[in-house]
Amino acid sequence: MLFQLRNCRLLGLNDINQRRANVRDAIVEFLNRLISYGVAGFRVDAAKLMWPEDLEFIFGQLRDLPVDQGFPGGSKAFIVQEIISLGGDEEDMIPYFQFGRVTEFKVGVYYGDLFRGWNGQQLRFMRTFGPDWGFIPDENALVFVDNHDNQRGHGAG
């Protein structure tokens, strides 16, 4: 399934072939130009649809953040990778942890259940709220309750 998602046009949308050196080079050049302007982080939409090897190459070529703009020497851009998951495919996310944070869509769902008392949830259960609930590890997660995907019926919407 992942092979098909990463090599086909999803929902008929155009895509770029990050396996090609000229495409990778253009992406790296663009991101490094943004870094030179002081951009300190990037959100990668639909990261799961990109080969981890391609992202590894691209992120590995990014320059450090500019010290002349106040960043400590050796600072790297903050990377957030949007991967919509509501469970059952956590293993597919692991290869992306090395590049930066991964969106954790399940938190918003479980918060909703807790506060509404749905699916047998009760507010007192929040004492154990965290990785034991099947979330990705804290150090790899970007946690949020709501976002544009949820508002449009994607993810937990």
N, C-alpha and C. Protein backbone atom coordinates (compact mmCIF):
# COMPACT_ATOMS: atom_id res chain seq x y z
N MET A 1 0.82 -1.20 0.00
CA MET A 1 0.00 0.00 0.00
C MET A 1 0.87 1.27 0.00
N LEU A 2 1.91 1.30 0.87
CA LEU A 2 2.78 2.48 0.91
C LEU A 2 3.50 2.68 -0.41
N PHE A 3 3.91 1.60 -1.05
CA PHE A 3 4.59 1.72 -2.35
C PHE A 3 3.70 2.45 -3.34
N GLN A 4 2.44 2.05 -3.36
CA GLN A 4 1.49 2.68 -4.29
C GLN A 4 1.27 4.15 -3.92
N LEU A 5 1.14 4.44 -2.63
CA LEU A 5 0.92 5.83 -2.20
C LEU A 5 2.11 6.72 -2.55
N ARG A 6 3.31 6.17 -2.43
CA ARG A 6 4.51 6.98 -2.66
C ARG A 6 4.91 7.08 -4.12
N ASN A 7 4.29 6.28 -4.98
CA ASN A 7 4.67 6.27 -6.39
C ASN A 7 3.54 6.60 -7.35
N CYS A 8 2.39 6.94 -6.82
CA CYS A 8 1.25 7.24 -7.68
C CYS A 8 0.71 8.63 -7.38
N ARG A 9 -0.17 9.07 -8.22
CA ARG A 9 -0.82 10.36 -8.02
C ARG A 9 -2.01 10.14 -7.07
N LEU A 10 -1.93 10.70 -5.90
CA LEU A 10 -2.98 10.55 -4.90
C LEU A 10 -4.16 11.42 -5.28
N LEU A 11 -5.31 10.83 -5.42
CA LEU A 11 -6.54 11.55 -5.76
C LEU A 11 -6.38 12.38 -7.02
N GLY A 12 -5.52 11.93 -7.94
CA GLY A 12 -5.32 12.63 -9.19
C GLY A 12 -4.48 13.89 -9.08
N LEU A 13 -3.90 14.15 -7.90
CA LEU A 13 -3.10 15.35 -7.70
C LEU A 13 -1.72 15.18 -8.34
N ASN A 14 -1.21 16.24 -8.91
CA ASN A 14 0.14 16.21 -9.46
C ASN A 14 1.15 16.07 -8.34
N ASP A 15 2.27 15.46 -8.65
CA ASP A 15 3.32 15.25 -7.66
C ASP A 15 4.66 15.49 -8.35
N ILE A 16 5.68 15.63 -7.56
CA ILE A 16 7.02 15.74 -8.11
C ILE A 16 7.81 14.50 -7.74
N ASN A 17 8.75 14.15 -8.58
CA ASN A 17 9.54 12.94 -8.37
C ASN A 17 10.81 13.30 -7.60
N GLN A 18 10.78 13.12 -6.30
CA GLN A 18 11.92 13.45 -5.45
C GLN A 18 13.05 12.45 -5.59
N ARG A 19 12.87 11.42 -6.36
CA ARG A 19 13.94 10.46 -6.60
C ARG A 19 14.95 11.02 -7.60
N ARG A 20 14.52 12.02 -8.36
CA ARG A 20 15.40 12.62 -9.38
C ARG A 20 16.32 13.65 -8.74
N ALA A 21 17.60 13.60 -9.12
CA ALA A 21 18.60 14.49 -8.53
C ALA A 21 18.27 15.96 -8.77
N ASN A 22 17.81 16.31 -9.96
CA ASN A 22 17.52 17.72 -10.23
C ASN A 22 16.34 18.22 -9.40
N VAL A 23 15.39 17.37 -9.09
CA VAL A 23 14.26 17.76 -8.25
C VAL A 23 14.73 17.95 -6.82
N ARG A 24 15.50 17.00 -6.31
CA ARG A 24 16.04 17.11 -4.96
C ARG A 24 16.88 18.38 -4.82
N ASP A 25 17.74 18.61 -5.81
CA ASP A 25 18.61 19.79 -5.75
C ASP A 25 17.80 21.08 -5.73
N ALA A 26 16.73 21.14 -6.50
CA ALA A 26 15.89 22.34 -6.53
C ALA A 26 15.21 22.56 -5.18
N ILE A 27 14.75 21.48 -4.56
CA ILE A 27 14.10 21.59 -3.25
C ILE A 27 15.11 22.06 -2.21
N VAL A 28 16.29 21.46 -2.21
CA VAL A 28 17.33 21.84 -1.25
C VAL A 28 17.71 23.30 -1.44
N GLU A 29 17.89 23.72 -2.67
CA GLU A 29 18.26 25.11 -2.95
C GLU A 29 17.19 26.07 -2.43
N PHE A 30 15.93 25.74 -2.67
CA PHE A 30 14.83 26.60 -2.21
C PHE A 30 14.78 26.67 -0.69
N LEU A 31 14.86 25.52 -0.02
CA LEU A 31 14.81 25.51 1.44
C LEU A 31 16.01 26.25 2.04
N ASN A 32 17.17 26.07 1.47
CA ASN A 32 18.35 26.78 1.97
C ASN A 32 18.24 28.28 1.75
N ARG A 33 17.62 28.69 0.68
CA ARG A 33 17.39 30.12 0.48
C ARG A 33 16.47 30.66 1.57
N LEU A 34 15.42 29.91 1.88
CA LEU A 34 14.51 30.34 2.96
C LEU A 34 15.24 30.40 4.30
N ILE A 35 16.11 29.43 4.55
CA ILE A 35 16.90 29.45 5.79
C ILE A 35 17.78 30.69 5.83
N SER A 36 18.36 31.07 4.71
CA SER A 36 19.22 32.26 4.68
C SER A 36 18.43 33.53 4.99
N TYR A 37 17.12 33.51 4.74
CA TYR A 37 16.24 34.65 5.06
C TYR A 37 15.82 34.65 6.52
N GLY A 38 16.10 33.56 7.24
CA GLY A 38 15.75 33.48 8.65
C GLY A 38 14.61 32.52 8.97
N VAL A 39 14.11 31.80 7.97
CA VAL A 39 13.07 30.80 8.23
C VAL A 39 13.70 29.69 9.06
N ALA A 40 13.08 29.37 10.18
CA ALA A 40 13.69 28.45 11.14
C ALA A 40 12.98 27.10 11.21
N GLY A 41 12.00 26.87 10.38
CA GLY A 41 11.32 25.59 10.42
C GLY A 41 10.43 25.38 9.22
N PHE A 42 10.09 24.12 8.99
CA PHE A 42 9.27 23.76 7.84
C PHE A 42 8.25 22.70 8.24
N ARG A 43 7.07 22.81 7.67
CA ARG A 43 6.03 21.79 7.82
C ARG A 43 5.94 21.06 6.49
N VAL A 44 6.10 19.76 6.52
CA VAL A 44 6.05 18.94 5.32
C VAL A 44 4.67 18.31 5.24
N ASP A 45 3.89 18.72 4.27
CA ASP A 45 2.55 18.19 4.09
C ASP A 45 2.63 16.78 3.51
N ALA A 46 1.78 15.89 3.99
CA ALA A 46 1.67 14.53 3.47
C ALA A 46 3.01 13.81 3.42
N ALA A 47 3.80 13.91 4.48
CA ALA A 47 5.14 13.32 4.50
C ALA A 47 5.11 11.81 4.27
N LYS A 48 4.08 11.16 4.71
CA LYS A 48 4.00 9.70 4.56
C LYS A 48 3.96 9.29 3.09
N LEU A 49 3.61 10.22 2.22
CA LEU A 49 3.54 9.92 0.79
C LEU A 49 4.89 10.13 0.11
N MET A 50 5.91 10.48 0.90
CA MET A 50 7.25 10.68 0.36
C MET A 50 8.16 9.59 0.91
N TRP A 51 9.08 9.15 0.09
CA TRP A 51 10.02 8.13 0.52
C TRP A 51 10.93 8.69 1.60
N PRO A 52 11.07 8.00 2.74
CA PRO A 52 11.97 8.48 3.79
C PRO A 52 13.39 8.75 3.27
N GLU A 53 13.86 7.94 2.34
CA GLU A 53 15.21 8.13 1.79
C GLU A 53 15.34 9.48 1.09
N ASP A 54 14.26 9.90 0.41
CA ASP A 54 14.28 11.20 -0.27
C ASP A 54 14.33 12.33 0.75
N LEU A 55 13.52 12.21 1.78
CA LEU A 55 13.52 13.26 2.82
C LEU A 55 14.87 13.28 3.55
N GLU A 56 15.44 12.12 3.78
CA GLU A 56 16.75 12.06 4.44
C GLU A 56 17.79 12.83 3.63
N PHE A 57 17.79 12.64 2.32
CA PHE A 57 18.73 13.35 1.47
C PHE A 57 18.47 14.86 1.54
N ILE A 58 17.23 15.25 1.36
CA ILE A 58 16.88 16.68 1.34
C ILE A 58 17.23 17.35 2.67
N PHE A 59 16.77 16.78 3.78
CA PHE A 59 17.03 17.40 5.08
C PHE A 59 18.51 17.36 5.43
N GLY A 60 19.21 16.35 4.96
CA GLY A 60 20.64 16.24 5.22
C GLY A 60 21.47 17.31 4.53
N GLN A 61 20.89 17.96 3.52
CA GLN A 61 21.59 19.00 2.77
C GLN A 61 21.26 20.41 3.26
N LEU A 62 20.39 20.52 4.27
CA LEU A 62 20.01 21.85 4.74
C LEU A 62 21.13 22.47 5.56
N ARG A 63 21.35 23.75 5.32
CA ARG A 63 22.37 24.50 6.06
C ARG A 63 21.90 24.75 7.49
N ASP A 64 22.86 25.05 8.34
CA ASP A 64 22.53 25.48 9.70
C ASP A 64 21.80 26.82 9.63
N LEU A 65 21.02 27.10 10.66
CA LEU A 65 20.37 28.41 10.73
C LEU A 65 21.42 29.49 10.89
N PRO A 66 21.20 30.67 10.31
CA PRO A 66 22.24 31.71 10.29
C PRO A 66 22.49 32.35 11.65
N VAL A 67 23.76 32.30 12.07
CA VAL A 67 24.13 32.91 13.35
C VAL A 67 24.00 34.42 13.29
N ASP A 68 24.15 35.01 12.11
CA ASP A 68 24.04 36.47 12.00
C ASP A 68 22.61 36.96 12.19
N GLN A 69 21.67 36.02 12.30
CA GLN A 69 20.28 36.38 12.59
C GLN A 69 19.88 35.94 13.99
N GLY A 70 20.88 35.63 14.81
CA GLY A 70 20.61 35.35 16.21
C GLY A 70 20.48 33.89 16.59
N PHE A 71 20.63 32.99 15.65
CA PHE A 71 20.52 31.57 15.98
C PHE A 71 21.84 31.07 16.52
N PRO A 72 21.83 30.21 17.54
CA PRO A 72 23.07 29.63 18.04
C PRO A 72 23.76 28.81 16.94
N GLY A 73 25.07 28.80 16.95
CA GLY A 73 25.82 28.03 15.97
C GLY A 73 25.42 26.57 15.96
N GLY A 74 25.30 26.00 14.79
CA GLY A 74 24.94 24.59 14.66
C GLY A 74 23.45 24.30 14.76
N SER A 75 22.62 25.34 14.86
CA SER A 75 21.17 25.13 14.96
C SER A 75 20.61 24.67 13.62
N LYS A 76 19.72 23.73 13.70
CA LYS A 76 19.07 23.20 12.50
C LYS A 76 17.61 23.65 12.46
N ALA A 77 17.05 23.66 11.28
CA ALA A 77 15.63 24.01 11.11
C ALA A 77 14.76 22.98 11.83
N PHE A 78 13.66 23.46 12.40
CA PHE A 78 12.68 22.59 13.05
C PHE A 78 11.78 22.01 11.96
N ILE A 79 11.69 20.70 11.91
CA ILE A 79 10.92 20.00 10.88
C ILE A 79 9.70 19.36 11.51
N VAL A 80 8.53 19.64 10.92
CA VAL A 80 7.28 18.98 11.31
C VAL A 80 6.76 18.26 10.08
N GLN A 81 6.45 16.99 10.24
CA GLN A 81 5.97 16.18 9.12
C GLN A 81 4.52 15.79 9.38
N GLU A 82 3.66 16.22 8.51
CA GLU A 82 2.25 15.89 8.65
C GLU A 82 2.01 14.46 8.14
N ILE A 83 1.61 13.62 9.07
CA ILE A 83 1.20 12.26 8.74
C ILE A 83 -0.13 12.04 9.45
N ILE A 84 -1.17 11.94 8.67
CA ILE A 84 -2.50 11.73 9.26
C ILE A 84 -2.64 10.26 9.62
N SER A 85 -2.81 10.00 10.89
CA SER A 85 -2.97 8.64 11.38
C SER A 85 -3.90 8.64 12.57
N LEU A 86 -4.81 7.71 12.57
CA LEU A 86 -5.70 7.55 13.72
C LEU A 86 -5.49 6.19 14.37
N GLY A 87 -4.35 5.59 14.09
CA GLY A 87 -3.99 4.34 14.74
C GLY A 87 -3.87 3.18 13.78
N GLY A 88 -3.06 2.22 14.20
CA GLY A 88 -2.90 1.01 13.43
C GLY A 88 -1.75 1.04 12.44
N ASP A 89 -1.17 2.21 12.22
CA ASP A 89 -0.07 2.30 11.26
C ASP A 89 1.14 3.00 11.85
N GLU A 90 1.31 2.91 13.16
CA GLU A 90 2.40 3.59 13.83
C GLU A 90 3.76 3.15 13.30
N GLU A 91 3.89 1.89 12.91
CA GLU A 91 5.16 1.39 12.38
C GLU A 91 5.57 2.18 11.13
N ASP A 92 4.60 2.63 10.35
CA ASP A 92 4.90 3.40 9.14
C ASP A 92 5.47 4.77 9.46
N MET A 93 5.25 5.25 10.68
CA MET A 93 5.73 6.58 11.06
C MET A 93 7.18 6.56 11.53
N ILE A 94 7.64 5.45 12.04
CA ILE A 94 8.96 5.36 12.67
C ILE A 94 10.08 5.88 11.77
N PRO A 95 10.12 5.56 10.48
CA PRO A 95 11.22 6.07 9.66
C PRO A 95 11.30 7.60 9.60
N TYR A 96 10.24 8.29 9.92
CA TYR A 96 10.21 9.76 9.84
C TYR A 96 10.69 10.43 11.12
N PHE A 97 10.75 9.69 12.22
CA PHE A 97 11.14 10.27 13.50
C PHE A 97 12.54 10.89 13.46
N GLN A 98 13.42 10.34 12.66
CA GLN A 98 14.81 10.83 12.61
C GLN A 98 14.92 12.23 12.02
N PHE A 99 13.90 12.69 11.29
CA PHE A 99 13.98 13.98 10.61
C PHE A 99 13.38 15.12 11.42
N GLY A 100 12.46 14.82 12.31
CA GLY A 100 11.80 15.86 13.06
C GLY A 100 10.52 15.33 13.69
N ARG A 101 9.67 16.22 14.08
CA ARG A 101 8.41 15.83 14.72
C ARG A 101 7.41 15.32 13.69
N VAL A 102 6.50 14.47 14.17
CA VAL A 102 5.42 13.92 13.35
C VAL A 102 4.11 14.31 14.02
N THR A 103 3.14 14.71 13.22
CA THR A 103 1.85 15.14 13.78
C THR A 103 1.16 13.96 14.46
N GLU A 104 0.58 14.24 15.63
CA GLU A 104 -0.14 13.22 16.40
C GLU A 104 -1.62 13.58 16.38
N PHE A 105 -2.34 13.02 15.43
CA PHE A 105 -3.76 13.33 15.24
C PHE A 105 -4.66 12.72 16.31
N LYS A 106 -4.22 11.64 16.94
CA LYS A 106 -5.11 10.93 17.88
C LYS A 106 -5.42 11.72 19.15
N VAL A 107 -4.54 12.63 19.54
CA VAL A 107 -4.76 13.38 20.79
C VAL A 107 -6.09 14.11 20.75
N GLY A 108 -6.38 14.80 19.67
CA GLY A 108 -7.64 15.54 19.56
C GLY A 108 -8.86 14.63 19.64
N VAL A 109 -8.75 13.46 19.04
CA VAL A 109 -9.85 12.49 19.08
C VAL A 109 -10.10 12.05 20.52
N TYR A 110 -9.03 11.68 21.23
CA TYR A 110 -9.18 11.19 22.59
C TYR A 110 -9.62 12.29 23.55
N TYR A 111 -9.11 13.50 23.36
CA TYR A 111 -9.61 14.62 24.18
C TYR A 111 -11.11 14.79 24.00
N GLY A 112 -11.55 14.75 22.76
CA GLY A 112 -12.98 14.87 22.49
C GLY A 112 -13.78 13.79 23.19
N ASP A 113 -13.30 12.55 23.11
CA ASP A 113 -13.99 11.44 23.77
C ASP A 113 -14.01 11.63 25.29
N LEU A 114 -12.88 12.08 25.86
CA LEU A 114 -12.81 12.28 27.31
C LEU A 114 -13.79 13.34 27.79
N PHE A 115 -13.80 14.47 27.12
CA PHE A 115 -14.66 15.57 27.56
C PHE A 115 -16.13 15.34 27.28
N ARG A 116 -16.44 14.55 26.27
CA ARG A 116 -17.84 14.24 25.96
C ARG A 116 -18.33 12.98 26.67
N GLY A 117 -17.39 12.18 27.21
CA GLY A 117 -17.78 10.93 27.84
C GLY A 117 -18.13 9.86 26.83
N TRP A 118 -17.59 9.97 25.61
CA TRP A 118 -17.87 9.00 24.56
C TRP A 118 -16.94 7.80 24.68
N ASN A 119 -17.37 6.69 24.09
CA ASN A 119 -16.57 5.46 24.04
C ASN A 119 -16.07 5.02 25.41
N GLY A 120 -16.89 5.25 26.43
CA GLY A 120 -16.56 4.81 27.78
C GLY A 120 -15.49 5.64 28.47
N GLN A 121 -15.11 6.77 27.89
CA GLN A 121 -14.04 7.60 28.47
C GLN A 121 -14.59 8.51 29.57
N GLN A 122 -13.76 8.78 30.55
CA GLN A 122 -14.11 9.68 31.65
C GLN A 122 -12.92 10.59 31.91
N LEU A 123 -13.19 11.81 32.37
CA LEU A 123 -12.13 12.78 32.61
C LEU A 123 -11.07 12.25 33.58
N ARG A 124 -11.45 11.42 34.51
CA ARG A 124 -10.48 10.91 35.48
C ARG A 124 -9.40 10.05 34.81
N PHE A 125 -9.67 9.58 33.60
CA PHE A 125 -8.69 8.77 32.88
C PHE A 125 -7.51 9.61 32.39
N MET A 126 -7.62 10.94 32.45
CA MET A 126 -6.54 11.79 31.97
C MET A 126 -5.26 11.63 32.79
N ARG A 127 -5.38 11.05 33.97
CA ARG A 127 -4.18 10.82 34.79
C ARG A 127 -3.15 9.98 34.06
N THR A 128 -3.62 9.09 33.20
CA THR A 128 -2.70 8.21 32.47
C THR A 128 -2.56 8.61 31.01
N PHE A 129 -3.10 9.78 30.67
CA PHE A 129 -3.08 10.22 29.27
C PHE A 129 -1.65 10.38 28.79
N GLY A 130 -1.31 9.75 27.70
CA GLY A 130 0.04 9.85 27.17
C GLY A 130 0.38 8.65 26.31
N PRO A 131 1.66 8.31 26.25
CA PRO A 131 2.11 7.23 25.36
C PRO A 131 1.42 5.89 25.61
N ASP A 132 0.99 5.64 26.85
CA ASP A 132 0.31 4.36 27.13
C ASP A 132 -1.01 4.24 26.37
N TRP A 133 -1.49 5.34 25.84
CA TRP A 133 -2.74 5.32 25.08
C TRP A 133 -2.50 4.99 23.60
N GLY A 134 -1.27 4.67 23.25
CA GLY A 134 -0.97 4.32 21.87
C GLY A 134 -0.50 5.48 21.02
N PHE A 135 -0.12 6.58 21.66
CA PHE A 135 0.40 7.72 20.92
C PHE A 135 1.84 7.45 20.52
N ILE A 136 2.30 8.19 19.53
CA ILE A 136 3.72 8.10 19.19
C ILE A 136 4.51 8.72 20.34
N PRO A 137 5.77 8.37 20.50
CA PRO A 137 6.56 8.88 21.64
C PRO A 137 6.58 10.41 21.69
N ASP A 138 6.54 10.94 22.90
CA ASP A 138 6.50 12.39 23.11
C ASP A 138 7.59 13.13 22.35
N GLU A 139 8.80 12.60 22.37
CA GLU A 139 9.92 13.31 21.75
C GLU A 139 9.83 13.34 20.22
N ASN A 140 8.90 12.57 19.65
CA ASN A 140 8.72 12.54 18.20
C ASN A 140 7.43 13.21 17.75
N ALA A 141 6.60 13.62 18.69
CA ALA A 141 5.24 14.07 18.35
C ALA A 141 5.10 15.59 18.35
N LEU A 142 4.30 16.06 17.42
CA LEU A 142 3.77 17.42 17.47
C LEU A 142 2.30 17.24 17.81
N VAL A 143 1.94 17.66 19.01
CA VAL A 143 0.60 17.41 19.53
C VAL A 143 -0.26 18.65 19.35
N PHE A 144 -1.49 18.45 18.93
CA PHE A 144 -2.44 19.53 18.74
C PHE A 144 -3.84 18.96 18.95
N VAL A 145 -4.81 19.83 19.11
CA VAL A 145 -6.19 19.38 19.28
C VAL A 145 -6.97 19.54 17.99
N ASP A 146 -6.71 20.63 17.27
CA ASP A 146 -7.48 20.92 16.06
C ASP A 146 -6.55 21.53 15.02
N ASN A 147 -6.83 21.29 13.77
CA ASN A 147 -6.09 21.92 12.69
C ASN A 147 -6.95 21.97 11.43
N HIS A 148 -6.39 22.48 10.37
CA HIS A 148 -7.15 22.65 9.14
C HIS A 148 -7.62 21.33 8.54
N ASP A 149 -6.87 20.25 8.72
CA ASP A 149 -7.31 18.95 8.21
C ASP A 149 -8.55 18.46 8.95
N ASN A 150 -8.50 18.55 10.28
CA ASN A 150 -9.67 18.12 11.06
C ASN A 150 -10.91 18.94 10.71
N GLN A 151 -10.74 20.20 10.48
CA GLN A 151 -11.86 21.08 10.18
C GLN A 151 -12.49 20.78 8.82
N ARG A 152 -11.77 20.07 7.97
CA ARG A 152 -12.28 19.76 6.64
C ARG A 152 -12.62 18.27 6.47
N GLY A 153 -12.71 17.55 7.59
CA GLY A 153 -13.13 16.16 7.53
C GLY A 153 -12.01 15.17 7.30
N HIS A 154 -10.77 15.62 7.35
CA HIS A 154 -9.63 14.71 7.22
C HIS A 154 -9.15 14.40 8.63
N GLY A 155 -8.33 13.38 8.75
CA GLY A 155 -7.81 13.05 10.07
C GLY A 155 -8.94 12.75 11.02
N ALA A 156 -9.03 13.53 12.09
CA ALA A 156 -10.04 13.28 13.12
C ALA A 156 -11.29 14.11 12.90
N GLY A 157 -11.42 14.72 11.76
CA GLY A 157 -12.57 15.62 11.51
C GLY A 157 -13.88 14.91 11.43
